[in-house]
Amino acid sequence: QVHLVESGGGLVQAGGSLRLSCAASGSIFSMNAMGWYRQAPGKRRELVASITSAGNTNYADSVKGRFTISRDNAKNTVYLQMNSLKPEDTAVYYCNARFTVLAGNLPLDAWGQGTLVTVSS
């Protein structure tokens, strides 16, 4: 079983910064892509940013230039540095990890419990 533990959410004023962290633990043979999603009240969960094991990144248009995703492969940890935060960034942020538990197995997905980010105007 794989667990993802997130930290770093909170309340911040518009224009401020926050850094989210997500550490994966458990029976992991290899960690593939890791990413961050968010869900605002009344809205669908959306991809914020993702990063492959090789370090290739992908961002939602709404956060390009403001958010930076990174990872520490040795620690199976992914980070999201969020700068120039806007009230519309307010949401619960979820960490996602795609991994395999044995060589040759199909990849599985795990989700964190979510961390709330609130940006006040």
N, C-alpha and C. Protein backbone atom coordinates (compact mmCIF):
# COMPACT_ATOMS: atom_id res chain seq x y z
N GLN A 1 0.84 -1.18 0.00
CA GLN A 1 0.00 0.00 0.00
C GLN A 1 0.88 1.24 0.00
N VAL A 2 0.46 2.23 -0.75
CA VAL A 2 1.22 3.47 -0.86
C VAL A 2 0.43 4.63 -0.25
N HIS A 3 1.11 5.43 0.53
CA HIS A 3 0.49 6.60 1.17
C HIS A 3 1.16 7.87 0.69
N LEU A 4 0.34 8.88 0.45
CA LEU A 4 0.83 10.20 0.10
C LEU A 4 0.44 11.16 1.22
N VAL A 5 1.41 11.86 1.74
CA VAL A 5 1.17 12.82 2.82
C VAL A 5 1.54 14.21 2.34
N GLU A 6 0.54 15.08 2.33
CA GLU A 6 0.72 16.45 1.86
C GLU A 6 0.90 17.40 3.03
N SER A 7 1.57 18.50 2.76
CA SER A 7 1.71 19.56 3.75
C SER A 7 1.95 20.88 3.03
N GLY A 8 1.74 21.97 3.77
CA GLY A 8 2.08 23.28 3.23
C GLY A 8 0.92 24.18 2.88
N GLY A 9 -0.30 23.69 2.97
CA GLY A 9 -1.44 24.56 2.66
C GLY A 9 -1.66 25.58 3.77
N GLY A 10 -2.58 26.50 3.51
CA GLY A 10 -2.89 27.51 4.51
C GLY A 10 -3.55 28.71 3.91
N LEU A 11 -3.59 29.78 4.70
CA LEU A 11 -4.21 31.04 4.30
C LEU A 11 -3.13 32.04 3.94
N VAL A 12 -3.29 32.69 2.80
CA VAL A 12 -2.31 33.67 2.36
C VAL A 12 -3.03 34.79 1.64
N GLN A 13 -2.47 35.97 1.69
CA GLN A 13 -3.05 37.10 0.97
C GLN A 13 -2.69 37.02 -0.51
N ALA A 14 -3.52 37.65 -1.32
CA ALA A 14 -3.26 37.71 -2.75
C ALA A 14 -1.88 38.31 -2.99
N GLY A 15 -1.15 37.69 -3.92
CA GLY A 15 0.21 38.12 -4.20
C GLY A 15 1.26 37.36 -3.40
N GLY A 16 0.82 36.61 -2.43
CA GLY A 16 1.74 35.87 -1.59
C GLY A 16 2.15 34.54 -2.19
N SER A 17 2.90 33.77 -1.40
CA SER A 17 3.44 32.49 -1.86
C SER A 17 3.19 31.39 -0.84
N LEU A 18 3.10 30.19 -1.34
CA LEU A 18 3.03 28.99 -0.52
C LEU A 18 3.80 27.88 -1.22
N ARG A 19 4.30 26.94 -0.45
CA ARG A 19 4.97 25.77 -1.01
C ARG A 19 4.32 24.51 -0.46
N LEU A 20 3.81 23.69 -1.36
CA LEU A 20 3.21 22.42 -0.98
C LEU A 20 4.23 21.30 -1.15
N SER A 21 4.14 20.33 -0.26
CA SER A 21 5.00 19.15 -0.35
C SER A 21 4.13 17.90 -0.28
N CYS A 22 4.59 16.84 -0.92
CA CYS A 22 3.87 15.57 -0.89
C CYS A 22 4.90 14.45 -0.90
N ALA A 23 4.89 13.65 0.15
CA ALA A 23 5.84 12.55 0.27
C ALA A 23 5.11 11.22 0.14
N ALA A 24 5.64 10.37 -0.71
CA ALA A 24 5.06 9.05 -0.92
C ALA A 24 5.86 8.00 -0.16
N SER A 25 5.14 7.07 0.44
CA SER A 25 5.80 5.99 1.16
C SER A 25 5.03 4.69 0.94
N GLY A 26 5.73 3.57 1.12
CA GLY A 26 5.08 2.29 0.95
C GLY A 26 5.83 1.41 -0.03
N SER A 27 5.11 0.45 -0.58
CA SER A 27 5.71 -0.53 -1.49
C SER A 27 5.78 0.04 -2.91
N ILE A 28 6.87 0.73 -3.19
CA ILE A 28 7.06 1.37 -4.48
C ILE A 28 8.27 0.78 -5.17
N PHE A 29 8.06 0.19 -6.34
CA PHE A 29 9.19 -0.29 -7.12
C PHE A 29 9.76 0.86 -7.94
N SER A 30 8.89 1.56 -8.63
CA SER A 30 9.33 2.75 -9.37
C SER A 30 8.22 3.79 -9.36
N MET A 31 8.64 5.04 -9.23
CA MET A 31 7.70 6.17 -9.23
C MET A 31 7.72 6.80 -10.61
N ASN A 32 6.57 6.88 -11.22
CA ASN A 32 6.49 7.48 -12.55
C ASN A 32 6.13 8.95 -12.40
N ALA A 33 5.08 9.38 -13.01
CA ALA A 33 4.70 10.80 -12.93
C ALA A 33 4.11 11.12 -11.56
N MET A 34 4.34 12.35 -11.13
CA MET A 34 3.71 12.88 -9.92
C MET A 34 3.08 14.21 -10.29
N GLY A 35 2.05 14.58 -9.57
CA GLY A 35 1.39 15.82 -9.95
C GLY A 35 0.52 16.38 -8.86
N TRP A 36 0.01 17.57 -9.13
CA TRP A 36 -0.90 18.26 -8.23
C TRP A 36 -2.19 18.59 -8.99
N TYR A 37 -3.30 18.33 -8.34
CA TYR A 37 -4.61 18.69 -8.84
C TYR A 37 -5.26 19.60 -7.81
N ARG A 38 -6.31 20.28 -8.21
CA ARG A 38 -7.06 21.09 -7.26
C ARG A 38 -8.53 21.04 -7.57
N GLN A 39 -9.31 21.26 -6.51
CA GLN A 39 -10.76 21.29 -6.66
C GLN A 39 -11.33 22.43 -5.83
N ALA A 40 -11.91 23.38 -6.52
CA ALA A 40 -12.56 24.50 -5.85
C ALA A 40 -14.02 24.13 -5.59
N PRO A 41 -14.67 24.78 -4.63
CA PRO A 41 -16.07 24.48 -4.33
C PRO A 41 -16.95 24.59 -5.56
N GLY A 42 -17.73 23.55 -5.81
CA GLY A 42 -18.65 23.55 -6.93
C GLY A 42 -18.01 23.32 -8.28
N LYS A 43 -16.72 23.02 -8.30
CA LYS A 43 -16.03 22.82 -9.57
C LYS A 43 -15.43 21.42 -9.63
N ARG A 44 -15.07 21.01 -10.84
CA ARG A 44 -14.44 19.71 -11.03
C ARG A 44 -12.97 19.78 -10.66
N ARG A 45 -12.43 18.62 -10.30
CA ARG A 45 -10.99 18.56 -10.01
C ARG A 45 -10.24 18.77 -11.32
N GLU A 46 -9.19 19.58 -11.25
CA GLU A 46 -8.42 19.89 -12.44
C GLU A 46 -6.93 19.72 -12.17
N LEU A 47 -6.21 19.40 -13.25
CA LEU A 47 -4.77 19.28 -13.16
C LEU A 47 -4.15 20.66 -13.01
N VAL A 48 -3.24 20.79 -12.06
CA VAL A 48 -2.50 22.02 -11.88
C VAL A 48 -1.13 21.90 -12.55
N ALA A 49 -0.41 20.85 -12.21
CA ALA A 49 0.93 20.64 -12.76
C ALA A 49 1.32 19.18 -12.57
N SER A 50 2.16 18.69 -13.47
CA SER A 50 2.67 17.33 -13.34
C SER A 50 4.13 17.30 -13.75
N ILE A 51 4.83 16.26 -13.29
CA ILE A 51 6.25 16.12 -13.59
C ILE A 51 6.57 14.63 -13.74
N THR A 52 7.30 14.30 -14.79
CA THR A 52 7.68 12.90 -15.00
C THR A 52 8.93 12.58 -14.19
N SER A 53 9.28 11.30 -14.18
CA SER A 53 10.50 10.89 -13.47
C SER A 53 11.74 11.50 -14.10
N ALA A 54 11.65 11.87 -15.38
CA ALA A 54 12.79 12.50 -16.06
C ALA A 54 12.82 14.00 -15.85
N GLY A 55 11.79 14.54 -15.21
CA GLY A 55 11.77 15.97 -14.93
C GLY A 55 11.01 16.81 -15.93
N ASN A 56 10.32 16.19 -16.86
CA ASN A 56 9.50 16.95 -17.81
C ASN A 56 8.24 17.43 -17.11
N THR A 57 7.91 18.69 -17.30
CA THR A 57 6.78 19.30 -16.59
C THR A 57 5.66 19.73 -17.52
N ASN A 58 4.48 19.83 -16.92
CA ASN A 58 3.29 20.28 -17.63
C ASN A 58 2.47 21.11 -16.66
N TYR A 59 1.95 22.25 -17.14
CA TYR A 59 1.20 23.16 -16.28
C TYR A 59 -0.14 23.54 -16.91
N ALA A 60 -1.10 23.76 -16.06
CA ALA A 60 -2.35 24.36 -16.52
C ALA A 60 -2.05 25.80 -16.95
N ASP A 61 -2.74 26.26 -17.97
CA ASP A 61 -2.50 27.62 -18.47
C ASP A 61 -2.68 28.67 -17.37
N SER A 62 -3.60 28.42 -16.47
CA SER A 62 -3.92 29.41 -15.43
C SER A 62 -2.80 29.60 -14.42
N VAL A 63 -1.84 28.69 -14.36
CA VAL A 63 -0.77 28.81 -13.36
C VAL A 63 0.62 28.97 -13.99
N LYS A 64 0.70 28.92 -15.30
CA LYS A 64 2.00 29.05 -15.97
C LYS A 64 2.64 30.37 -15.60
N GLY A 65 3.92 30.30 -15.26
CA GLY A 65 4.65 31.50 -14.90
C GLY A 65 4.54 31.87 -13.43
N ARG A 66 3.63 31.21 -12.71
CA ARG A 66 3.44 31.53 -11.29
C ARG A 66 3.78 30.33 -10.40
N PHE A 67 3.47 29.12 -10.87
CA PHE A 67 3.70 27.91 -10.09
C PHE A 67 4.86 27.13 -10.70
N THR A 68 5.61 26.45 -9.82
CA THR A 68 6.70 25.60 -10.27
C THR A 68 6.62 24.26 -9.56
N ILE A 69 6.60 23.18 -10.33
CA ILE A 69 6.59 21.84 -9.76
C ILE A 69 7.99 21.27 -9.84
N SER A 70 8.37 20.53 -8.80
CA SER A 70 9.67 19.88 -8.77
C SER A 70 9.55 18.59 -7.96
N ARG A 71 10.57 17.76 -8.03
CA ARG A 71 10.51 16.50 -7.28
C ARG A 71 11.90 16.07 -6.86
N ASP A 72 11.91 15.29 -5.80
CA ASP A 72 13.14 14.67 -5.30
C ASP A 72 12.93 13.17 -5.45
N ASN A 73 13.53 12.59 -6.46
CA ASN A 73 13.30 11.17 -6.75
C ASN A 73 13.80 10.27 -5.63
N ALA A 74 14.88 10.67 -4.98
CA ALA A 74 15.42 9.85 -3.90
C ALA A 74 14.46 9.77 -2.72
N LYS A 75 13.64 10.79 -2.56
CA LYS A 75 12.71 10.84 -1.44
C LYS A 75 11.26 10.58 -1.86
N ASN A 76 11.04 10.31 -3.16
CA ASN A 76 9.67 10.14 -3.67
C ASN A 76 8.77 11.28 -3.21
N THR A 77 9.28 12.47 -3.35
CA THR A 77 8.57 13.67 -2.89
C THR A 77 8.42 14.66 -4.05
N VAL A 78 7.23 15.27 -4.11
CA VAL A 78 6.97 16.28 -5.12
C VAL A 78 6.58 17.58 -4.41
N TYR A 79 6.98 18.69 -5.03
CA TYR A 79 6.74 20.01 -4.45
C TYR A 79 5.98 20.87 -5.45
N LEU A 80 5.27 21.84 -4.91
CA LEU A 80 4.62 22.84 -5.75
C LEU A 80 4.86 24.21 -5.12
N GLN A 81 5.70 24.99 -5.76
CA GLN A 81 5.95 26.36 -5.32
C GLN A 81 4.94 27.25 -6.02
N MET A 82 4.14 27.94 -5.21
CA MET A 82 3.09 28.79 -5.75
C MET A 82 3.37 30.24 -5.40
N ASN A 83 3.60 31.05 -6.41
CA ASN A 83 3.88 32.47 -6.24
C ASN A 83 2.77 33.30 -6.87
N SER A 84 2.72 34.56 -6.50
CA SER A 84 1.73 35.49 -7.05
C SER A 84 0.32 34.89 -6.98
N LEU A 85 -0.01 34.37 -5.82
CA LEU A 85 -1.30 33.70 -5.66
C LEU A 85 -2.46 34.67 -5.84
N LYS A 86 -3.54 34.12 -6.40
CA LYS A 86 -4.75 34.89 -6.66
C LYS A 86 -5.92 34.25 -5.91
N PRO A 87 -6.95 35.01 -5.61
CA PRO A 87 -8.12 34.41 -4.94
C PRO A 87 -8.68 33.21 -5.70
N GLU A 88 -8.60 33.23 -7.01
CA GLU A 88 -9.12 32.11 -7.80
C GLU A 88 -8.27 30.84 -7.69
N ASP A 89 -7.13 30.93 -7.02
CA ASP A 89 -6.33 29.73 -6.74
C ASP A 89 -6.84 29.00 -5.50
N THR A 90 -7.80 29.58 -4.80
CA THR A 90 -8.37 28.95 -3.61
C THR A 90 -9.01 27.62 -3.97
N ALA A 91 -8.56 26.55 -3.30
CA ALA A 91 -9.06 25.21 -3.59
C ALA A 91 -8.41 24.23 -2.62
N VAL A 92 -8.91 23.00 -2.66
CA VAL A 92 -8.21 21.89 -2.01
C VAL A 92 -7.25 21.32 -3.05
N TYR A 93 -5.99 21.23 -2.68
CA TYR A 93 -4.96 20.72 -3.58
C TYR A 93 -4.65 19.27 -3.23
N TYR A 94 -4.66 18.41 -4.24
CA TYR A 94 -4.42 16.99 -4.06
C TYR A 94 -3.15 16.57 -4.80
N CYS A 95 -2.37 15.77 -4.13
CA CYS A 95 -1.19 15.19 -4.73
C CYS A 95 -1.58 13.86 -5.40
N ASN A 96 -0.96 13.59 -6.52
CA ASN A 96 -1.19 12.33 -7.23
C ASN A 96 0.15 11.72 -7.59
N ALA A 97 0.21 10.39 -7.49
CA ALA A 97 1.43 9.69 -7.88
C ALA A 97 1.07 8.44 -8.67
N ARG A 98 1.81 8.20 -9.72
CA ARG A 98 1.65 6.99 -10.54
C ARG A 98 2.90 6.14 -10.35
N PHE A 99 2.72 4.88 -9.97
CA PHE A 99 3.86 4.08 -9.57
C PHE A 99 3.60 2.62 -9.91
N THR A 100 4.65 1.82 -9.82
CA THR A 100 4.51 0.38 -9.94
C THR A 100 5.07 -0.26 -8.67
N VAL A 101 4.51 -1.40 -8.33
CA VAL A 101 4.96 -2.10 -7.12
C VAL A 101 5.89 -3.26 -7.45
N LEU A 102 5.86 -3.70 -8.70
CA LEU A 102 6.75 -4.76 -9.16
C LEU A 102 7.17 -4.47 -10.59
N ALA A 103 8.35 -4.92 -10.95
CA ALA A 103 8.82 -4.73 -12.32
C ALA A 103 7.86 -5.40 -13.30
N GLY A 104 7.49 -4.66 -14.33
CA GLY A 104 6.60 -5.21 -15.35
C GLY A 104 5.12 -5.06 -15.07
N ASN A 105 4.77 -4.65 -13.85
CA ASN A 105 3.35 -4.46 -13.51
C ASN A 105 2.81 -3.18 -14.12
N LEU A 106 1.49 -3.17 -14.30
CA LEU A 106 0.86 -1.93 -14.75
C LEU A 106 0.94 -0.87 -13.64
N PRO A 107 1.05 0.40 -14.02
CA PRO A 107 1.13 1.44 -12.99
C PRO A 107 -0.19 1.62 -12.25
N LEU A 108 -0.08 2.04 -11.01
CA LEU A 108 -1.22 2.33 -10.16
C LEU A 108 -1.20 3.81 -9.79
N ASP A 109 -2.34 4.31 -9.34
CA ASP A 109 -2.46 5.70 -8.92
C ASP A 109 -2.75 5.79 -7.43
N ALA A 110 -2.13 6.76 -6.77
CA ALA A 110 -2.45 7.05 -5.38
C ALA A 110 -2.73 8.53 -5.24
N TRP A 111 -3.58 8.87 -4.28
CA TRP A 111 -3.96 10.26 -4.02
C TRP A 111 -3.71 10.63 -2.58
N GLY A 112 -3.32 11.87 -2.37
CA GLY A 112 -3.21 12.38 -1.03
C GLY A 112 -4.58 12.78 -0.50
N GLN A 113 -4.61 13.17 0.77
CA GLN A 113 -5.88 13.51 1.42
C GLN A 113 -6.34 14.91 1.09
N GLY A 114 -5.47 15.70 0.51
CA GLY A 114 -5.81 17.07 0.15
C GLY A 114 -5.37 18.06 1.20
N THR A 115 -4.97 19.22 0.74
CA THR A 115 -4.59 20.31 1.64
C THR A 115 -5.24 21.59 1.12
N LEU A 116 -5.83 22.35 2.03
CA LEU A 116 -6.60 23.52 1.64
C LEU A 116 -5.69 24.73 1.48
N VAL A 117 -5.83 25.39 0.36
CA VAL A 117 -5.16 26.66 0.09
C VAL A 117 -6.22 27.73 -0.05
N THR A 118 -6.14 28.76 0.77
CA THR A 118 -7.09 29.85 0.73
C THR A 118 -6.34 31.15 0.48
N VAL A 119 -6.72 31.85 -0.58
CA VAL A 119 -6.08 33.10 -0.93
C VAL A 119 -7.10 34.22 -0.74
N SER A 120 -6.79 35.13 0.16
CA SER A 120 -7.71 36.23 0.44
C SER A 120 -7.37 37.44 -0.43
N SER A 121 -8.40 38.20 -0.76
CA SER A 121 -8.20 39.37 -1.63
C SER A 121 -7.91 40.62 -0.82
